[in-house]
PDB file of N, CA and C in Angstrom:
ATOM      1  N   MET A   1      12.453 -17.230  32.726  1.00  0.00           N
ATOM      2  CA  MET A   1      13.271 -16.287  32.040  1.00  0.00           C
ATOM      3  C   MET A   1      13.374 -16.211  30.660  1.00  0.00           C
ATOM      4  N   LEU A   2      13.010 -17.315  30.020  1.00  0.00           N
ATOM      5  CA  LEU A   2      13.029 -17.320  28.493  1.00  0.00           C
ATOM      6  C   LEU A   2      11.943 -16.653  28.052  1.00  0.00           C
ATOM      7  N   GLU A   3      10.922 -16.675  28.920  1.00  0.00           N
ATOM      8  CA  GLU A   3       9.567 -16.063  28.553  1.00  0.00           C
ATOM      9  C   GLU A   3       9.949 -14.367  28.545  1.00  0.00           C
ATOM     10  N   ILE A   4      10.563 -14.029  29.474  1.00  0.00           N
ATOM     11  CA  ILE A   4      10.773 -12.631  29.862  1.00  0.00           C
ATOM     12  C   ILE A   4      11.704 -12.199  28.656  1.00  0.00           C
ATOM     13  N   LEU A   5      12.686 -12.908  28.270  1.00  0.00           N
ATOM     14  CA  LEU A   5      13.539 -12.393  27.062  1.00  0.00           C
ATOM     15  C   LEU A   5      12.643 -12.583  25.834  1.00  0.00           C
ATOM     16  N   GLY A   6      11.816 -13.268  25.688  1.00  0.00           N
ATOM     17  CA  GLY A   6      10.927 -13.432  24.461  1.00  0.00           C
ATOM     18  C   GLY A   6      10.111 -12.172  24.335  1.00  0.00           C
ATOM     19  N   ILE A   7       9.462 -11.767  25.495  1.00  0.00           N
ATOM     20  CA  ILE A   7       8.404 -10.530  25.597  1.00  0.00           C
ATOM     21  C   ILE A   7       9.306  -9.373  25.408  1.00  0.00           C
ATOM     22  N   ILE A   8      10.537  -9.115  25.924  1.00  0.00           N
ATOM     23  CA  ILE A   8      11.359  -8.143  25.494  1.00  0.00           C
ATOM     24  C   ILE A   8      11.724  -8.011  24.207  1.00  0.00           C
ATOM     25  N   ALA A   9      11.926  -9.307  23.316  1.00  0.00           N
ATOM     26  CA  ALA A   9      12.440  -9.096  22.022  1.00  0.00           C
ATOM     27  C   ALA A   9      11.187  -8.951  21.124  1.00  0.00           C
ATOM     28  N   PHE A  10      10.090  -9.470  21.515  1.00  0.00           N
ATOM     29  CA  PHE A  10       8.801  -9.078  20.873  1.00  0.00           C
ATOM     30  C   PHE A  10       8.292  -7.621  20.898  1.00  0.00           C
ATOM     31  N   ALA A  11       8.469  -7.113  22.171  1.00  0.00           N
ATOM     32  CA  ALA A  11       8.155  -5.615  22.367  1.00  0.00           C
ATOM     33  C   ALA A  11       9.169  -4.644  21.339  1.00  0.00           C
ATOM     34  N   ARG A  12      10.534  -5.004  21.209  1.00  0.00           N
ATOM     35  CA  ARG A  12      11.335  -4.478  20.509  1.00  0.00           C
ATOM     36  C   ARG A  12      10.846  -4.346  19.227  1.00  0.00           C
ATOM     37  N   LEU A  13      10.333  -5.670  18.553  1.00  0.00           N
ATOM     38  CA  LEU A  13       9.917  -5.817  17.184  1.00  0.00           C
ATOM     39  C   LEU A  13       8.723  -4.912  16.739  1.00  0.00           C
ATOM     40  N   LEU A  14       7.884  -4.884  17.876  1.00  0.00           N
ATOM     41  CA  LEU A  14       6.643  -4.142  17.556  1.00  0.00           C
ATOM     42  C   LEU A  14       6.959  -2.697  17.685  1.00  0.00           C
ATOM     43  N   SER A  15       7.888  -2.299  18.395  1.00  0.00           N
ATOM     44  CA  SER A  15       8.266  -0.873  18.505  1.00  0.00           C
ATOM     45  C   SER A  15       8.943  -0.561  17.323  1.00  0.00           C
ATOM     46  N   ARG A  16       9.858  -1.407  16.868  1.00  0.00           N
ATOM     47  CA  ARG A  16      10.550  -1.039  15.543  1.00  0.00           C
ATOM     48  C   ARG A  16       9.508  -0.945  14.432  1.00  0.00           C
ATOM     49  N   THR A  17       8.604  -1.945  14.295  1.00  0.00           N
ATOM     50  CA  THR A  17       7.523  -1.917  13.146  1.00  0.00           C
ATOM     51  C   THR A  17       6.722  -0.640  13.314  1.00  0.00           C
ATOM     52  N   ALA A  18       6.452  -0.173  14.461  1.00  0.00           N
ATOM     53  CA  ALA A  18       5.419   0.997  14.688  1.00  0.00           C
ATOM     54  C   ALA A  18       6.283   2.386  14.303  1.00  0.00           C
ATOM     55  N   VAL A  19       7.537   2.243  14.748  1.00  0.00           N
ATOM     56  CA  VAL A  19       8.441   3.479  14.266  1.00  0.00           C
ATOM     57  C   VAL A  19       8.660   3.681  12.956  1.00  0.00           C
ATOM     58  N   GLU A  20       8.722   2.435  12.058  1.00  0.00           N
ATOM     59  CA  GLU A  20       8.845   2.398  10.607  1.00  0.00           C
ATOM     60  C   GLU A  20       7.585   3.099  10.025  1.00  0.00           C
ATOM     61  N   LYS A  21       6.359   2.983  10.694  1.00  0.00           N
ATOM     62  CA  LYS A  21       5.204   3.312  10.230  1.00  0.00           C
ATOM     63  C   LYS A  21       4.965   4.906  10.716  1.00  0.00           C
ATOM     64  N   GLY A  22       5.841   5.539  11.408  1.00  0.00           N
ATOM     65  CA  GLY A  22       5.687   6.872  11.905  1.00  0.00           C
ATOM     66  C   GLY A  22       4.878   6.857  13.174  1.00  0.00           C
ATOM     67  N   ARG A  23       4.779   5.965  13.783  1.00  0.00           N
ATOM     68  CA  ARG A  23       3.791   5.757  15.094  1.00  0.00           C
ATOM     69  C   ARG A  23       4.904   5.710  16.382  1.00  0.00           C
ATOM     70  N   SER A  24       4.207   5.903  17.454  1.00  0.00           N
ATOM     71  CA  SER A  24       4.886   5.791  18.773  1.00  0.00           C
ATOM     72  C   SER A  24       5.375   4.404  19.071  1.00  0.00           C
ATOM     73  N   LYS A  25       6.571   4.498  19.853  1.00  0.00           N
ATOM     74  CA  LYS A  25       7.078   3.065  20.485  1.00  0.00           C
ATOM     75  C   LYS A  25       6.186   2.666  21.449  1.00  0.00           C
ATOM     76  N   GLY A  26       5.073   3.346  21.826  1.00  0.00           N
ATOM     77  CA  GLY A  26       4.303   2.608  22.762  1.00  0.00           C
ATOM     78  C   GLY A  26       3.181   1.628  22.316  1.00  0.00           C
ATOM     79  N   TRP A  27       3.265   1.392  21.083  1.00  0.00           N
ATOM     80  CA  TRP A  27       2.741   0.256  20.572  1.00  0.00           C
ATOM     81  C   TRP A  27       3.162  -1.121  20.977  1.00  0.00           C
ATOM     82  N   ALA A  28       4.493  -1.075  21.477  1.00  0.00           N
ATOM     83  CA  ALA A  28       4.936  -2.232  22.116  1.00  0.00           C
ATOM     84  C   ALA A  28       4.275  -2.646  23.403  1.00  0.00           C
ATOM     85  N   ALA A  29       3.618  -1.871  24.014  1.00  0.00           N
ATOM     86  CA  ALA A  29       2.954  -2.163  25.262  1.00  0.00           C
ATOM     87  C   ALA A  29       1.550  -3.132  24.865  1.00  0.00           C
ATOM     88  N   LEU A  30       1.129  -2.889  23.711  1.00  0.00           N
ATOM     89  CA  LEU A  30       0.119  -3.741  23.032  1.00  0.00           C
ATOM     90  C   LEU A  30       0.574  -5.262  23.169  1.00  0.00           C
ATOM     91  N   GLY A  31       1.710  -5.559  22.470  1.00  0.00           N
ATOM     92  CA  GLY A  31       2.163  -6.964  22.520  1.00  0.00           C
ATOM     93  C   GLY A  31       2.349  -7.615  23.925  1.00  0.00           C
ATOM     94  N   VAL A  32       2.853  -6.786  24.812  1.00  0.00           N
ATOM     95  CA  VAL A  32       3.314  -7.225  26.281  1.00  0.00           C
ATOM     96  C   VAL A  32       1.790  -7.514  26.898  1.00  0.00           C
ATOM     97  N   LEU A  33       0.923  -6.445  26.776  1.00  0.00           N
ATOM     98  CA  LEU A  33      -0.434  -6.861  27.536  1.00  0.00           C
ATOM     99  C   LEU A  33      -1.173  -7.799  26.700  1.00  0.00           C
ATOM    100  N   PHE A  34      -1.018  -8.111  25.427  1.00  0.00           N
ATOM    101  CA  PHE A  34      -1.786  -9.185  24.698  1.00  0.00           C
ATOM    102  C   PHE A  34      -0.992 -10.571  25.305  1.00  0.00           C
ATOM    103  N   TRP A  35       0.196 -10.577  25.321  1.00  0.00           N
ATOM    104  CA  TRP A  35       0.952 -11.754  25.600  1.00  0.00           C
ATOM    105  C   TRP A  35       0.616 -12.065  27.112  1.00  0.00           C
ATOM    106  N   ILE A  36       0.781 -11.338  28.106  1.00  0.00           N
ATOM    107  CA  ILE A  36       0.452 -11.548  29.327  1.00  0.00           C
ATOM    108  C   ILE A  36      -1.108 -11.769  29.571  1.00  0.00           C
ATOM    109  N   GLY A  37      -1.863 -10.931  29.102  1.00  0.00           N
ATOM    110  CA  GLY A  37      -3.351 -11.216  28.982  1.00  0.00           C
ATOM    111  C   GLY A  37      -3.998 -12.524  28.582  1.00  0.00           C
ATOM    112  N   GLY A  38      -3.251 -12.860  27.337  1.00  0.00           N
ATOM    113  CA  GLY A  38      -3.614 -14.125  26.787  1.00  0.00           C
ATOM    114  C   GLY A  38      -3.209 -15.312  27.795  1.00  0.00           C
ATOM    115  N   GLU A  39      -1.941 -15.408  28.276  1.00  0.00           N
ATOM    116  CA  GLU A  39      -1.701 -16.446  29.185  1.00  0.00           C
ATOM    117  C   GLU A  39      -2.457 -16.352  30.507  1.00  0.00           C
ATOM    118  N   MET A  40      -2.770 -15.316  30.917  1.00  0.00           N
ATOM    119  CA  MET A  40      -3.805 -15.212  32.092  1.00  0.00           C
ATOM    120  C   MET A  40      -4.990 -15.778  31.738  1.00  0.00           C
ATOM    121  N   MET A  41      -5.655 -15.434  30.635  1.00  0.00           N
ATOM    122  CA  MET A  41      -6.893 -16.063  30.101  1.00  0.00           C
ATOM    123  C   MET A  41      -6.786 -17.576  29.933  1.00  0.00           C
ATOM    124  N   GLY A  42      -5.667 -17.989  29.421  1.00  0.00           N
ATOM    125  CA  GLY A  42      -5.617 -19.384  29.345  1.00  0.00           C
ATOM    126  C   GLY A  42      -5.430 -20.194  30.722  1.00  0.00           C
ATOM    127  N   PHE A  43      -5.044 -19.707  31.643  1.00  0.00           N
ATOM    128  CA  PHE A  43      -4.990 -20.358  33.012  1.00  0.00           C
ATOM    129  C   PHE A  43      -6.395 -20.106  33.534  1.00  0.00           C
ATOM    130  N   ILE A  44      -6.906 -19.090  33.326  1.00  0.00           N
ATOM    131  CA  ILE A  44      -8.457 -19.082  33.937  1.00  0.00           C
ATOM    132  C   ILE A  44      -9.410 -19.968  33.101  1.00  0.00           C
ATOM    133  N   VAL A  45      -9.399 -20.079  31.694  1.00  0.00           N
ATOM    134  CA  VAL A  45     -10.241 -20.898  31.120  1.00  0.00           C
ATOM    135  C   VAL A  45      -9.854 -22.346  31.552  1.00  0.00           C
ATOM    136  N   GLY A  46      -8.370 -22.661  31.543  1.00  0.00           N
ATOM    137  CA  GLY A  46      -8.109 -23.981  31.882  1.00  0.00           C
ATOM    138  C   GLY A  46      -8.536 -24.376  33.393  1.00  0.00           C
ATOM    139  N   GLY A  47      -8.549 -23.517  34.292  1.00  0.00           N
ATOM    140  CA  GLY A  47      -8.715 -23.749  35.496  1.00  0.00           C
ATOM    141  C   GLY A  47     -10.374 -24.148  35.788  1.00  0.00           C
ATOM    142  N   ALA A  48     -11.027 -23.326  34.792  1.00  0.00           N
ATOM    143  CA  ALA A  48     -12.441 -23.435  34.824  1.00  0.00           C
ATOM    144  C   ALA A  48     -12.923 -24.717  34.265  1.00  0.00           C
ATOM    145  N   LEU A  49     -12.085 -25.257  33.201  1.00  0.00           N
ATOM    146  CA  LEU A  49     -12.289 -26.528  32.686  1.00  0.00           C
ATOM    147  C   LEU A  49     -11.773 -27.763  33.448  1.00  0.00           C
ATOM    148  N   GLY A  50     -11.031 -27.483  34.530  1.00  0.00           N
ATOM    149  CA  GLY A  50     -10.589 -28.331  35.259  1.00  0.00           C
ATOM    150  C   GLY A  50      -9.253 -29.128  34.707  1.00  0.00           C
ATOM    151  N   LEU A  51      -8.656 -28.610  33.835  1.00  0.00           N
ATOM    152  CA  LEU A  51      -7.394 -29.111  33.356  1.00  0.00           C
ATOM    153  C   LEU A  51      -6.190 -29.294  34.486  1.00  0.00           C
ATOM    154  N   GLU A  52      -5.341 -30.275  34.199  1.00  0.00           N
ATOM    155  CA  GLU A  52      -4.217 -30.688  35.174  1.00  0.00           C
ATOM    156  C   GLU A  52      -3.161 -29.806  34.766  1.00  0.00           C
ATOM    157  N   THR A  53      -2.107 -29.700  35.440  1.00  0.00           N
ATOM    158  CA  THR A  53      -0.730 -28.998  35.466  1.00  0.00           C
ATOM    159  C   THR A  53      -0.301 -28.817  33.951  1.00  0.00           C
ATOM    160  N   PHE A  54       0.160 -29.824  33.235  1.00  0.00           N
ATOM    161  CA  PHE A  54       0.566 -29.490  31.842  1.00  0.00           C
ATOM    162  C   PHE A  54      -0.422 -29.085  30.857  1.00  0.00           C
ATOM    163  N   ALA A  55      -1.367 -29.762  31.023  1.00  0.00           N
ATOM    164  CA  ALA A  55      -2.610 -29.190  29.880  1.00  0.00           C
ATOM    165  C   ALA A  55      -2.917 -27.720  30.330  1.00  0.00           C
ATOM    166  N   LEU A  56      -2.973 -27.320  31.504  1.00  0.00           N
ATOM    167  CA  LEU A  56      -3.357 -26.047  31.894  1.00  0.00           C
ATOM    168  C   LEU A  56      -2.206 -25.008  31.279  1.00  0.00           C
ATOM    169  N   TYR A  57      -0.851 -25.639  31.519  1.00  0.00           N
ATOM    170  CA  TYR A  57       0.121 -24.635  31.003  1.00  0.00           C
ATOM    171  C   TYR A  57       0.099 -24.470  29.433  1.00  0.00           C
ATOM    172  N   GLY A  58      -0.216 -25.670  28.919  1.00  0.00           N
ATOM    173  CA  GLY A  58      -0.261 -25.592  27.371  1.00  0.00           C
ATOM    174  C   GLY A  58      -1.316 -24.762  26.960  1.00  0.00           C
ATOM    175  N   LEU A  59      -2.275 -24.720  27.513  1.00  0.00           N
ATOM    176  CA  LEU A  59      -3.378 -23.921  27.128  1.00  0.00           C
ATOM    177  C   LEU A  59      -3.015 -22.249  27.315  1.00  0.00           C
ATOM    178  N   ALA A  60      -2.335 -22.022  28.444  1.00  0.00           N
ATOM    179  CA  ALA A  60      -2.083 -20.694  28.891  1.00  0.00           C
ATOM    180  C   ALA A  60      -0.856 -20.288  27.691  1.00  0.00           C
ATOM    181  N   LEU A  61      -0.014 -21.179  27.186  1.00  0.00           N
ATOM    182  CA  LEU A  61       1.005 -20.806  26.110  1.00  0.00           C
ATOM    183  C   LEU A  61       0.184 -20.556  24.856  1.00  0.00           C
ATOM    184  N   LEU A  62      -0.627 -21.534  24.577  1.00  0.00           N
ATOM    185  CA  LEU A  62      -1.317 -21.335  23.187  1.00  0.00           C
ATOM    186  C   LEU A  62      -2.251 -20.041  23.109  1.00  0.00           C
ATOM    187  N   MET A  63      -2.976 -19.747  24.375  1.00  0.00           N
ATOM    188  CA  MET A  63      -3.527 -18.353  24.390  1.00  0.00           C
ATOM    189  C   MET A  63      -2.564 -16.987  24.423  1.00  0.00           C
ATOM    190  N   ALA A  64      -1.468 -17.404  24.874  1.00  0.00           N
ATOM    191  CA  ALA A  64      -0.352 -16.138  24.856  1.00  0.00           C
ATOM    192  C   ALA A  64       0.059 -16.148  23.390  1.00  0.00           C
ATOM    193  N   GLY A  65       0.275 -17.157  22.773  1.00  0.00           N
ATOM    194  CA  GLY A  65       0.719 -17.236  21.476  1.00  0.00           C
ATOM    195  C   GLY A  65      -0.492 -16.469  20.317  1.00  0.00           C
ATOM    196  N   ALA A  66      -1.644 -16.789  20.756  1.00  0.00           N
ATOM    197  CA  ALA A  66      -2.982 -16.038  20.128  1.00  0.00           C
ATOM    198  C   ALA A  66      -2.748 -14.559  20.123  1.00  0.00           C
ATOM    199  N   GLY A  67      -2.474 -14.253  21.515  1.00  0.00           N
ATOM    200  CA  GLY A  67      -2.300 -12.699  21.816  1.00  0.00           C
ATOM    201  C   GLY A  67      -1.215 -11.970  21.081  1.00  0.00           C
ATOM    202  N   VAL A  68      -0.164 -12.906  21.023  1.00  0.00           N
ATOM    203  CA  VAL A  68       0.964 -12.222  20.341  1.00  0.00           C
ATOM    204  C   VAL A  68       0.658 -12.180  18.763  1.00  0.00           C
ATOM    205  N   LEU A  69       0.060 -13.139  18.193  1.00  0.00           N
ATOM    206  CA  LEU A  69      -0.237 -12.961  16.722  1.00  0.00           C
ATOM    207  C   LEU A  69      -1.389 -11.931  16.567  1.00  0.00           C
ATOM    208  N   VAL A  70      -2.310 -11.739  17.375  1.00  0.00           N
ATOM    209  CA  VAL A  70      -3.274 -10.586  17.275  1.00  0.00           C
ATOM    210  C   VAL A  70      -2.421  -9.068  17.242  1.00  0.00           C
ATOM    211  N   ALA A  71      -1.589  -9.076  18.424  1.00  0.00           N
ATOM    212  CA  ALA A  71      -0.807  -7.825  18.576  1.00  0.00           C
ATOM    213  C   ALA A  71      -0.029  -7.545  17.355  1.00  0.00           C
ATOM    214  N   TYR A  72       0.824  -8.431  16.749  1.00  0.00           N
ATOM    215  CA  TYR A  72       1.442  -8.238  15.737  1.00  0.00           C
ATOM    216  C   TYR A  72       0.711  -7.854  14.334  1.00  0.00           C
ATOM    217  N   LEU A  73      -0.246  -8.472  14.210  1.00  0.00           N
ATOM    218  CA  LEU A  73      -1.217  -8.172  13.070  1.00  0.00           C
ATOM    219  C   LEU A  73      -1.711  -6.789  13.365  1.00  0.00           C
ATOM    220  N   VAL A  74      -2.031  -6.415  14.401  1.00  0.00           N
ATOM    221  CA  VAL A  74      -2.714  -5.021  14.571  1.00  0.00           C
ATOM    222  C   VAL A  74      -1.655  -4.049  14.230  1.00  0.00           C
ATOM    223  N   VAL A  75      -0.366  -4.196  14.808  1.00  0.00           N
ATOM    224  CA  VAL A  75       0.706  -3.187  14.538  1.00  0.00           C
ATOM    225  C   VAL A  75       1.193  -3.140  12.955  1.00  0.00           C
ATOM    226  N   LYS A  76       1.141  -4.450  12.584  1.00  0.00           N
ATOM    227  CA  LYS A  76       1.678  -4.430  11.082  1.00  0.00           C
ATOM    228  C   LYS A  76       0.405  -3.761  10.268  1.00  0.00           C
ATOM    229  N   ALA A  77      -0.914  -3.893  10.565  1.00  0.00           N
ATOM    230  CA  ALA A  77      -1.904  -3.256   9.777  1.00  0.00           C
ATOM    231  C   ALA A  77      -2.031  -1.831   9.899  1.00  0.00           C
ATOM    232  N   LEU A  78      -1.202  -1.230  10.833  1.00  0.00           N
ATOM    233  CA  LEU A  78      -1.453   0.209  10.944  1.00  0.00           C
ATOM    234  C   LEU A  78      -0.958   0.828   9.779  1.00  0.00           C
ATOM    235  N   PRO A  79      -1.743   2.046   9.309  1.00  0.00           N
ATOM    236  CA  PRO A  79      -1.354   2.733   8.103  1.00  0.00           C
ATOM    237  C   PRO A  79      -0.210   3.474   8.483  1.00  0.00           C
ATOM    238  N   PRO A  80       0.502   3.807   7.298  1.00  0.00           N
ATOM    239  CA  PRO A  80       1.785   4.785   7.518  1.00  0.00           C
ATOM    240  C   PRO A  80       1.263   6.256   7.899  1.00  0.00           C
ATOM    241  N   GLN A  81       2.027   6.754   8.888  1.00  0.00           N
ATOM    242  CA  GLN A  81       1.633   8.176   9.229  1.00  0.00           C
ATOM    243  C   GLN A  81       2.685   9.014   9.150  1.00  0.00           C
ATOM    244  N   SER A  82       2.728  10.260   8.348  1.00  0.00           N
ATOM    245  CA  SER A  82       3.734  11.165   8.340  1.00  0.00           C
ATOM    246  C   SER A  82       4.067  11.727   9.574  1.00  0.00           C
ATOM    247  N   ALA A  83       5.071  12.343   9.786  1.00  0.00           N
ATOM    248  CA  ALA A  83       5.597  12.698  11.297  1.00  0.00           C
ATOM    249  C   ALA A  83       4.916  13.958  11.619  1.00  0.00           C
ATOM    250  N   GLY A  84       4.457  14.779  10.832  1.00  0.00           N
ATOM    251  CA  GLY A  84       3.786  16.096  11.213  1.00  0.00           C
ATOM    252  C   GLY A  84       2.264  16.123  11.321  1.00  0.00           C
ATOM    253  N   THR A  85       1.567  14.881  11.043  1.00  0.00           N
ATOM    254  CA  THR A  85       0.048  15.020  10.832  1.00  0.00           C
ATOM    255  C   THR A  85      -0.494  14.345  12.344  1.00  0.00           C
ATOM    256  N   LEU A  86      -1.344  14.758  12.636  1.00  0.00           N
ATOM    257  CA  LEU A  86      -2.089  14.235  13.913  1.00  0.00           C
ATOM    258  C   LEU A  86      -3.391  13.596  13.568  1.00  0.00           C
ATOM    259  N   GLY A  87      -4.073  13.701  12.296  1.00  0.00           N
ATOM    260  CA  GLY A  87      -5.106  13.144  11.910  1.00  0.00           C
ATOM    261  C   GLY A  87      -5.643  13.718  10.566  1.00  0.00           C
ATOM    262  N   PRO A  88      -6.615  13.183  10.068  1.00  0.00           N
ATOM    263  CA  PRO A  88      -7.116  13.801   8.979  1.00  0.00           C
ATOM    264  C   PRO A  88      -7.412  15.306   8.786  1.00  0.00           C
ATOM    265  N   ALA A  89      -6.994  15.739   7.532  1.00  0.00           N
ATOM    266  CA  ALA A  89      -6.999  17.128   7.275  1.00  0.00           C
ATOM    267  C   ALA A  89      -8.372  17.583   6.961  1.00  0.00           C
ATOM    268  N   SER A  90      -9.058  18.811   7.493  1.00  0.00           N
ATOM    269  CA  SER A  90     -10.386  19.244   7.294  1.00  0.00           C
ATOM    270  C   SER A  90     -10.346  20.158   6.246  1.00  0.00           C
TER     271      SER A  90
END
């Protein structure tokens, strides 16, 4: 349950950051996908390495944290975009 609340709070943070830069709130999905995808990759890698329960879950949380960090850095690095532009002017 706490993880779900964490994902929701993180998605709101990414959404707010993207909107401040003139971007869509859809960037929040990147954070959710990277969090869950990182956790799943942690379980897959840990299972392949033959880790036991607590080590397996620890690796999954570590990989989820890495996914969160990458998603945050990507959204934070987005250049500001004005409301009326779709791309570079020709």
